[in-house]
Amino acid sequence: MRTAKKNIQRLEFIAVGSELLSSSFPETNSLFLAEKLEQAGLNLTFKTVVSDRWSELQEVIRTARERSQIIFLSGGLGPTEDDRTKEALARVVRRRLIFNPEILKRIKKRFASRGLAMPASNKKQAYLIEGAEILENPHGTAPGQWLETGGKIFILLPGPPSEFKPMVENLVLPRLKNLSQKKIIKAFFKITGAGESWVEDRIKEVYKKLPPYLELTILASPGDLQIILSLKIDSEDQEAERTQELEKIKLKITRLLGDKIYAFEPRTLEQVVAEKLINLKKTIATAESCSGGLLAHRLTNIPGSSNYFQLGLVTYSNEAKIKLLSVPKTTIKEKGAVSAEVARAMASGLLKKADVDLAVAITGIAGPGGGSPKKPVGLVYLGLASSDGIEVEKCHFLGTREQIKFQATQKALDMVRLKLLKLEHRSGALKRKVS
């Protein structure tokens, strides 16, 4: 069956499962689906999470049918008694459930490939809603279904993300792209070292003058911001002109924010730093107190980290700082473990011990206790040592213990990034001079 092009106005997502209404099982399929739909020029209008109960499930389906043209249903296609999605939909649209022996053969074959006999309850998954097409599920026993009825499209997909995601990408999106004449192009700015209000003040004159086909969104979290520009193209003859306008606005924002921008695509700061370390053939080591090894984790969570990461120490106690980093006892006694002087001594000691190009040190108070009026929770000192000398930064982060630890490592990574940028410029200038 070929889906005819339609004027799609509303798309709706329904996540089925009582467990998704608890705090233990977050619903994430809609986030993935929304991202993929946006890339295809489509957007979700409604999103609902509903329990497995018959009355509530049917009520939600009826509501969706009244207001939306395409309805996605995720979950409730399993073999147990409380998996009721296709049964509830069949009742709402007044269609029969028809047994499909081919589906049953595939399910039995899947079990047999693992040396198992198919439980009798799985036979339930071999029933299709009358008139529905099968959406093959290579990663599970529950096939999806595509049903067009009453001018509406119902797309039934399994709930496990490992099954849901490949089916959306490989089976659903190719068909949905034929329904939309729109195209959306996105531009990204990843930013650190600046707060949301600072960024907004810098770029407000830009987004005040945005044309209606360009949308600007700022997503902020502690230590990290993202600006997303979404360009809507309704027809091919608009693409060249509107894309050119997008490039002009990107250039304006880039000039306004400068080196606060660390990436122009959805990348993490550690990915950017890792790439620069590898390209410049530089090595790094870390000495952490309040961040407890999080910086080392972020740096080594990148494939190929053995090319640049040499050593990571968690010098949590004063004794460890003295023994492993040669921090003078008198410095700790006179200035305290959380001080610029100790951060400097930690970085210096690490540079000598690890024999690396860059040595990063973090010392601070992550909380929620341990603070004082002179040294409050969130006070962090960071040291960066290299052959050029030692830089020390004083920061006061707000938030939970986890947020303070993340922000401390984010600031440390940004200090490394900016240092590497200087080395890049120096290297480039030297090459130009030689040539």
Protein backbone atom coordinates (compact mmCIF):
# COMPACT_ATOMS: atom_id res chain seq x y z
CA MET A 1 0.00 0.00 0.00
CA ARG A 2 1.36 3.44 -0.95
CA THR A 3 0.57 6.38 1.25
CA ALA A 4 -0.76 9.32 -0.71
CA LYS A 5 0.58 12.80 -0.04
CA LYS A 6 -1.62 14.58 2.49
CA ASN A 7 -1.88 17.95 4.16
CA ILE A 8 -0.50 16.86 7.52
CA GLN A 9 -1.57 19.25 10.26
CA ARG A 10 -1.13 17.37 13.51
CA LEU A 11 1.02 14.48 14.63
CA GLU A 12 0.51 12.86 18.01
CA PHE A 13 2.51 10.44 20.13
CA ILE A 14 1.03 8.09 22.71
CA ALA A 15 3.33 6.14 25.04
CA VAL A 16 1.51 3.16 26.54
CA GLY A 17 2.53 1.62 29.85
CA SER A 18 1.61 2.12 33.48
CA GLU A 19 5.31 1.89 34.39
CA LEU A 20 5.96 5.08 32.35
CA LEU A 21 3.79 7.00 34.81
CA SER A 22 6.14 6.12 37.66
CA SER A 23 9.47 7.72 38.53
CA SER A 24 11.39 4.52 37.74
CA PHE A 25 10.87 4.33 33.96
CA PRO A 26 11.31 7.63 32.09
CA GLU A 27 9.66 7.85 28.68
CA THR A 28 12.31 8.62 26.04
CA ASN A 29 10.92 7.34 22.74
CA SER A 30 9.06 10.59 22.10
CA LEU A 31 12.30 12.58 22.36
CA PHE A 32 13.96 10.43 19.71
CA LEU A 33 10.87 10.55 17.49
CA ALA A 34 10.55 14.35 17.81
CA GLU A 35 14.17 14.81 16.73
CA LYS A 36 13.77 12.57 13.69
CA LEU A 37 10.47 14.15 12.68
CA GLU A 38 11.99 17.63 12.84
CA GLN A 39 14.70 16.51 10.45
CA ALA A 40 11.96 15.46 8.06
CA GLY A 41 10.16 18.81 8.34
CA LEU A 42 7.47 17.49 10.67
CA ASN A 43 6.63 18.29 14.30
CA LEU A 44 4.74 16.61 17.10
CA THR A 45 1.69 18.53 18.29
CA PHE A 46 0.63 16.38 21.24
CA LYS A 47 2.32 13.86 23.50
CA THR A 48 0.55 11.60 25.99
CA VAL A 49 1.60 8.91 28.44
CA VAL A 50 -1.24 6.56 29.37
CA SER A 51 -1.65 3.49 31.57
CA ASP A 52 -2.45 -0.02 30.34
CA ARG A 53 -6.03 0.15 31.61
CA TRP A 54 -8.67 -0.46 28.95
CA SER A 55 -10.85 2.59 29.59
CA GLU A 56 -8.00 5.09 29.75
CA LEU A 57 -6.19 3.64 26.75
CA GLN A 58 -9.29 3.74 24.57
CA GLU A 59 -10.14 7.25 25.76
CA VAL A 60 -6.71 8.55 24.75
CA ILE A 61 -6.90 6.87 21.34
CA ARG A 62 -10.36 8.37 20.68
CA THR A 63 -9.12 11.84 21.62
CA ALA A 64 -6.09 11.49 19.36
CA ARG A 65 -8.23 10.31 16.46
CA GLU A 66 -10.42 13.40 16.75
CA ARG A 67 -7.61 15.96 16.72
CA SER A 68 -4.63 14.49 14.84
CA GLN A 69 -3.90 13.09 11.39
CA ILE A 70 -1.03 10.77 12.32
CA ILE A 71 -0.99 8.94 15.65
CA PHE A 72 2.04 7.02 16.91
CA LEU A 73 1.50 4.42 19.63
CA SER A 74 4.56 3.04 21.41
CA GLY A 75 4.44 0.04 23.74
CA GLY A 76 1.79 -2.44 24.75
CA LEU A 77 2.51 -4.89 21.90
CA GLY A 78 4.02 -7.63 24.06
CA PRO A 79 2.72 -11.10 24.89
CA THR A 80 1.31 -10.44 28.37
CA GLU A 81 -2.28 -9.82 29.37
CA ASP A 82 -1.68 -6.13 30.09
CA ASP A 83 -0.28 -5.50 26.58
CA ARG A 84 -3.45 -4.07 25.06
CA THR A 85 -2.51 -1.40 22.53
CA LYS A 86 -3.59 -3.10 19.31
CA GLU A 87 -6.66 -4.55 20.99
CA ALA A 88 -7.72 -1.11 22.25
CA LEU A 89 -7.10 0.50 18.86
CA ALA A 90 -9.04 -2.28 17.10
CA ARG A 91 -12.04 -1.59 19.34
CA VAL A 92 -11.89 2.18 18.75
CA VAL A 93 -11.69 1.89 14.94
CA ARG A 94 -14.04 -1.14 14.91
CA ARG A 95 -11.68 -3.50 13.14
CA ARG A 96 -11.13 -7.21 13.78
CA LEU A 97 -7.89 -8.79 14.92
CA ILE A 98 -6.75 -11.34 12.34
CA PHE A 99 -4.28 -14.13 13.02
CA ASN A 100 -1.21 -14.07 10.75
CA PRO A 101 0.64 -17.42 10.57
CA GLU A 102 3.73 -15.83 8.96
CA ILE A 103 4.27 -13.62 12.00
CA LEU A 104 3.98 -16.68 14.26
CA LYS A 105 6.62 -18.52 12.19
CA ARG A 106 9.03 -15.61 12.59
CA ILE A 107 8.50 -15.46 16.33
CA LYS A 108 9.09 -19.21 16.69
CA LYS A 109 12.21 -18.93 14.55
CA ARG A 110 13.54 -16.14 16.74
CA PHE A 111 13.18 -18.28 19.86
CA ALA A 112 14.65 -21.31 18.11
CA SER A 113 17.75 -19.34 17.12
CA ARG A 114 18.49 -19.05 20.84
CA GLY A 115 17.73 -22.70 21.49
CA LEU A 116 14.37 -21.95 23.12
CA ALA A 117 10.79 -23.01 22.52
CA MET A 118 8.29 -20.20 22.02
CA PRO A 119 6.00 -19.71 25.05
CA ALA A 120 2.31 -20.05 24.20
CA SER A 121 1.65 -16.45 25.28
CA ASN A 122 3.68 -15.12 22.34
CA LYS A 123 1.00 -16.32 19.91
CA LYS A 124 -0.86 -13.16 20.88
CA GLN A 125 1.74 -11.12 18.97
CA ALA A 126 0.80 -12.82 15.68
CA TYR A 127 -2.51 -10.94 15.42
CA LEU A 128 -2.86 -7.94 13.11
CA ILE A 129 -5.57 -5.29 13.06
CA GLU A 130 -7.69 -5.83 9.96
CA GLY A 131 -6.27 -3.79 7.08
CA ALA A 132 -2.95 -3.02 8.80
CA GLU A 133 0.47 -3.50 7.22
CA ILE A 134 3.25 -5.29 9.05
CA LEU A 135 6.28 -3.24 10.12
CA GLU A 136 9.08 -5.77 10.55
CA ASN A 137 10.89 -5.76 13.88
CA PRO A 138 14.33 -7.41 13.48
CA HIS A 139 15.22 -6.79 17.13
CA GLY A 140 12.21 -8.24 18.93
CA THR A 141 9.14 -10.46 18.70
CA ALA A 142 6.49 -7.72 18.43
CA PRO A 143 5.98 -6.47 14.86
CA GLY A 144 4.84 -2.93 14.30
CA GLN A 145 1.69 -2.05 12.37
CA TRP A 146 0.73 0.72 9.95
CA LEU A 147 -3.02 1.28 9.75
CA GLU A 148 -4.80 3.85 7.57
CA THR A 149 -8.47 4.25 8.36
CA GLY A 150 -10.99 7.09 8.37
CA GLY A 151 -8.44 9.47 6.86
CA LYS A 152 -6.06 8.89 9.79
CA ILE A 153 -2.77 6.98 10.06
CA PHE A 154 -2.04 4.89 13.14
CA ILE A 155 1.55 3.69 13.57
CA LEU A 156 2.03 1.01 16.23
CA LEU A 157 5.59 0.44 17.43
CA PRO A 158 7.16 -1.61 20.24
CA GLY A 159 8.16 0.18 23.42
CA PRO A 160 11.79 -0.93 24.02
CA PRO A 161 14.02 1.83 22.57
CA SER A 162 16.35 -0.77 21.02
CA GLU A 163 13.40 -1.90 18.87
CA PHE A 164 11.58 1.42 18.51
CA LYS A 165 14.50 3.50 17.20
CA PRO A 166 15.61 1.36 14.24
CA MET A 167 12.01 0.86 13.16
CA VAL A 168 11.39 4.62 13.18
CA GLU A 169 14.56 5.31 11.18
CA ASN A 170 14.33 2.46 8.68
CA LEU A 171 10.60 1.91 8.19
CA VAL A 172 8.56 4.88 9.38
CA LEU A 173 10.56 7.97 8.41
CA PRO A 174 11.02 7.04 4.74
CA ARG A 175 7.24 6.87 4.38
CA LEU A 176 6.55 10.02 6.38
CA LYS A 177 8.98 12.09 4.33
CA ASN A 178 6.65 11.64 1.39
CA LEU A 179 3.92 13.36 3.38
CA SER A 180 5.80 16.61 3.95
CA GLN A 181 6.93 19.21 1.45
CA LYS A 182 8.77 21.08 4.22
CA LYS A 183 12.45 20.92 5.01
CA ILE A 184 14.16 22.05 8.21
CA ILE A 185 17.84 22.96 8.40
CA LYS A 186 19.39 23.41 11.82
CA ALA A 187 22.47 25.33 12.93
CA PHE A 188 24.05 24.74 16.34
CA PHE A 189 26.21 26.79 18.68
CA LYS A 190 27.62 25.03 21.75
CA ILE A 191 28.70 27.56 24.38
CA THR A 192 30.47 27.51 27.72
CA GLY A 193 32.02 30.08 30.03
CA ALA A 194 28.97 32.36 29.81
CA GLY A 195 25.56 32.48 31.46
CA GLU A 196 22.23 32.44 29.68
CA SER A 197 21.51 36.12 30.44
CA TRP A 198 24.93 37.18 29.11
CA VAL A 199 24.36 35.25 25.88
CA GLU A 200 20.84 36.65 25.50
CA ASP A 201 22.04 40.22 26.00
CA ARG A 202 24.72 39.74 23.35
CA ILE A 203 22.45 38.31 20.66
CA LYS A 204 19.07 39.90 21.43
CA GLU A 205 19.35 42.36 18.56
CA VAL A 206 19.87 39.42 16.21
CA TYR A 207 16.86 37.35 17.20
CA LYS A 208 14.59 40.39 17.43
CA LYS A 209 15.07 40.80 13.67
CA LEU A 210 14.74 37.14 12.69
CA PRO A 211 12.48 36.44 9.70
CA PRO A 212 9.39 34.32 10.47
CA TYR A 213 10.89 31.24 8.81
CA LEU A 214 13.84 31.23 11.23
CA GLU A 215 13.43 30.17 14.86
CA LEU A 216 16.06 30.64 17.59
CA THR A 217 16.07 28.52 20.75
CA ILE A 218 18.44 28.76 23.73
CA LEU A 219 18.82 25.60 25.82
CA ALA A 220 20.65 26.21 29.08
CA SER A 221 22.06 23.90 31.73
CA PRO A 222 24.71 24.59 34.38
CA GLY A 223 28.02 25.14 32.62
CA ASP A 224 26.71 24.53 29.12
CA LEU A 225 24.42 26.34 26.67
CA GLN A 226 23.16 25.56 23.21
CA ILE A 227 21.68 27.88 20.62
CA ILE A 228 19.67 26.18 17.88
CA LEU A 229 18.66 28.00 14.71
CA SER A 230 15.88 26.21 12.82
CA LEU A 231 15.34 27.25 9.21
CA LYS A 232 12.03 26.23 7.63
CA ILE A 233 11.95 25.72 3.88
CA ASP A 234 8.51 25.20 2.36
CA SER A 235 9.56 24.73 -1.26
CA GLU A 236 12.71 24.16 -3.32
CA ASP A 237 12.73 27.66 -4.82
CA GLN A 238 13.10 29.14 -1.31
CA GLU A 239 16.08 27.05 -0.28
CA ALA A 240 18.98 29.04 -1.75
CA GLU A 241 17.77 32.43 -0.50
CA ARG A 242 16.81 31.24 2.97
CA THR A 243 19.99 29.20 3.43
CA GLN A 244 22.02 32.31 2.57
CA GLU A 245 20.10 34.25 5.23
CA LEU A 246 20.85 31.52 7.77
CA GLU A 247 24.58 31.77 7.03
CA LYS A 248 24.51 35.54 7.57
CA ILE A 249 22.85 35.14 10.97
CA LYS A 250 25.29 32.38 11.96
CA LEU A 251 28.16 34.73 11.16
CA LYS A 252 26.62 37.55 13.26
CA ILE A 253 26.17 35.27 16.28
CA THR A 254 29.69 33.89 15.89
CA ARG A 255 31.16 37.40 15.92
CA LEU A 256 29.12 38.39 18.97
CA LEU A 257 29.97 35.35 21.09
CA GLY A 258 33.56 34.76 19.96
CA ASP A 259 35.53 32.07 21.75
CA LYS A 260 32.63 31.32 24.10
CA ILE A 261 31.49 29.05 21.26
CA TYR A 262 33.27 25.73 21.47
CA ALA A 263 31.43 23.85 18.70
CA PHE A 264 29.05 24.39 15.79
CA GLU A 265 27.43 20.98 16.05
CA PRO A 266 25.93 18.85 18.85
CA ARG A 267 29.23 17.83 20.48
CA THR A 268 30.44 17.72 24.06
CA LEU A 269 33.27 19.89 25.31
CA GLU A 270 35.40 16.83 26.04
CA GLN A 271 35.03 15.71 22.42
CA VAL A 272 36.28 19.07 21.21
CA VAL A 273 39.20 19.07 23.65
CA ALA A 274 40.12 15.49 22.76
CA GLU A 275 40.21 16.32 19.05
CA LYS A 276 42.47 19.31 19.64
CA LEU A 277 44.81 17.32 21.91
CA ILE A 278 45.17 14.65 19.23
CA ASN A 279 45.65 17.12 16.38
CA LEU A 280 48.29 19.07 18.30
CA LYS A 281 49.90 15.89 19.66
CA LYS A 282 49.63 17.13 23.24
CA THR A 283 49.33 15.06 26.42
CA ILE A 284 47.37 15.80 29.57
CA ALA A 285 47.07 14.67 33.19
CA THR A 286 44.57 15.52 35.94
CA ALA A 287 44.65 15.95 39.70
CA GLU A 288 41.22 16.26 41.27
CA SER A 289 39.88 16.87 44.71
CA CYS A 290 36.22 17.97 44.86
CA SER A 291 35.37 16.61 41.39
CA GLY A 292 36.40 13.11 42.48
CA GLY A 293 37.74 11.89 39.12
CA LEU A 294 34.95 13.24 36.93
CA LEU A 295 37.38 15.22 34.77
CA ALA A 296 39.49 12.13 34.13
CA HIS A 297 36.33 10.18 33.32
CA ARG A 298 35.17 12.75 30.78
CA LEU A 299 38.57 12.87 29.11
CA THR A 300 38.90 9.09 28.93
CA ASN A 301 35.30 8.52 27.82
CA ILE A 302 36.36 9.47 24.30
CA PRO A 303 37.63 6.72 21.94
CA GLY A 304 41.34 7.17 21.35
CA SER A 305 41.97 8.84 24.72
CA SER A 306 45.15 6.80 25.17
CA ASN A 307 46.72 9.12 22.59
CA TYR A 308 46.58 12.08 24.96
CA PHE A 309 45.63 11.06 28.50
CA GLN A 310 48.58 10.02 30.67
CA LEU A 311 47.58 10.10 34.33
CA GLY A 312 44.63 10.83 36.59
CA LEU A 313 44.91 11.32 40.36
CA VAL A 314 42.10 11.84 42.86
CA THR A 315 43.96 13.64 45.65
CA TYR A 316 40.99 14.09 47.92
CA SER A 317 42.80 14.37 51.24
CA ASN A 318 45.46 16.85 52.28
CA GLU A 319 47.84 13.94 52.79
CA ALA A 320 47.36 12.80 49.19
CA LYS A 321 48.03 16.31 47.90
CA ILE A 322 51.24 16.45 49.92
CA LYS A 323 52.45 12.93 49.13
CA LEU A 324 51.49 12.61 45.47
CA LEU A 325 51.72 16.21 44.24
CA SER A 326 54.35 17.67 46.55
CA VAL A 327 52.01 20.41 47.78
CA PRO A 328 53.82 22.08 50.71
CA LYS A 329 52.28 21.40 54.13
CA THR A 330 52.72 25.05 55.03
CA THR A 331 50.67 26.15 52.01
CA ILE A 332 47.74 23.96 53.02
CA LYS A 333 48.04 25.05 56.66
CA GLU A 334 48.23 28.77 55.88
CA LYS A 335 45.90 29.03 52.88
CA GLY A 336 43.66 25.98 53.22
CA ALA A 337 43.15 23.10 50.79
CA VAL A 338 40.64 25.19 48.84
CA SER A 339 42.78 28.08 47.69
CA ALA A 340 44.50 29.51 44.66
CA GLU A 341 47.87 28.64 46.13
CA VAL A 342 47.01 24.95 46.56
CA ALA A 343 45.50 24.74 43.05
CA ARG A 344 48.72 26.24 41.70
CA ALA A 345 50.89 23.81 43.70
CA MET A 346 48.76 20.83 42.63
CA ALA A 347 49.08 21.72 38.94
CA SER A 348 52.81 22.38 39.26
CA GLY A 349 53.44 19.12 41.10
CA LEU A 350 51.38 17.14 38.60
CA LEU A 351 53.21 18.64 35.61
CA LYS A 352 56.51 17.43 37.04
CA LYS A 353 55.19 14.04 38.14
CA ALA A 354 53.33 13.12 34.95
CA ASP A 355 55.75 14.66 32.44
CA VAL A 356 52.92 15.92 30.22
CA ASP A 357 52.21 19.01 28.15
CA LEU A 358 49.20 20.07 30.23
CA ALA A 359 48.42 19.41 33.90
CA VAL A 360 44.99 20.32 35.29
CA ALA A 361 44.14 20.58 38.99
CA ILE A 362 40.80 21.08 40.73
CA THR A 363 40.18 21.82 44.41
CA GLY A 364 36.96 23.11 45.92
CA ILE A 365 33.83 22.55 48.02
CA ALA A 366 31.14 20.54 46.25
CA GLY A 367 28.72 20.57 49.20
CA PRO A 368 26.13 20.37 50.43
CA GLY A 369 28.17 20.77 53.65
CA GLY A 370 31.69 21.95 54.37
CA GLY A 371 31.24 25.59 53.40
CA SER A 372 31.80 28.75 55.44
CA PRO A 373 31.16 32.48 54.96
CA LYS A 374 34.72 32.93 53.64
CA LYS A 375 34.70 29.72 51.60
CA PRO A 376 31.12 28.89 50.60
CA VAL A 377 29.83 25.74 48.96
CA GLY A 378 30.57 25.94 45.24
CA LEU A 379 33.92 27.72 45.64
CA VAL A 380 36.39 26.05 43.27
CA TYR A 381 39.94 26.83 42.24
CA LEU A 382 41.37 25.42 39.03
CA GLY A 383 45.00 25.29 37.98
CA LEU A 384 46.42 24.66 34.51
CA ALA A 385 50.15 24.16 34.21
CA SER A 386 52.21 23.99 31.01
CA SER A 387 55.61 25.04 29.75
CA ASP A 388 54.17 28.57 29.45
CA GLY A 389 53.53 28.76 33.19
CA ILE A 390 50.54 28.24 35.49
CA GLU A 391 47.07 29.75 35.21
CA VAL A 392 44.68 29.73 38.18
CA GLU A 393 40.97 30.47 38.02
CA LYS A 394 38.62 31.13 40.94
CA CYS A 395 34.96 30.16 40.42
CA HIS A 396 31.81 30.06 42.51
CA PHE A 397 29.32 27.58 41.12
CA LEU A 398 25.71 27.17 42.23
CA GLY A 399 23.57 24.04 42.29
CA THR A 400 23.59 20.53 43.69
CA ARG A 401 26.75 18.58 44.48
CA GLU A 402 26.57 16.86 41.09
CA GLN A 403 26.02 20.17 39.27
CA ILE A 404 28.98 21.80 41.02
CA LYS A 405 31.23 18.86 40.16
CA PHE A 406 30.14 19.01 36.52
CA GLN A 407 30.62 22.77 36.28
CA ALA A 408 34.10 22.47 37.80
CA THR A 409 35.13 19.93 35.16
CA GLN A 410 33.45 21.99 32.43
CA LYS A 411 35.47 25.02 33.44
CA ALA A 412 38.65 22.91 33.56
CA LEU A 413 38.00 21.58 30.06
CA ASP A 414 37.33 25.08 28.80
CA MET A 415 40.63 26.31 30.23
CA VAL A 416 42.33 23.48 28.33
CA ARG A 417 40.38 24.32 25.14
CA LEU A 418 41.36 27.98 25.26
CA LYS A 419 44.98 27.04 25.91
CA LEU A 420 44.95 24.70 22.93
CA LEU A 421 43.42 27.45 20.76
CA LYS A 422 46.40 29.66 21.61
CA LEU A 423 48.75 26.84 20.71
CA GLU A 424 46.91 26.37 17.40
CA HIS A 425 47.24 30.05 16.57
CA ARG A 426 50.89 30.04 17.57
CA SER A 427 51.55 26.97 15.45
CA GLY A 428 49.71 28.50 12.49
CA ALA A 429 51.62 31.77 12.78
CA LEU A 430 54.91 29.87 12.93
CA LYS A 431 54.06 27.90 9.78
CA ARG A 432 53.15 31.10 7.93
CA LYS A 433 56.39 32.72 9.03
CA VAL A 434 58.48 29.73 7.89
CA SER A 435 56.71 29.53 4.54
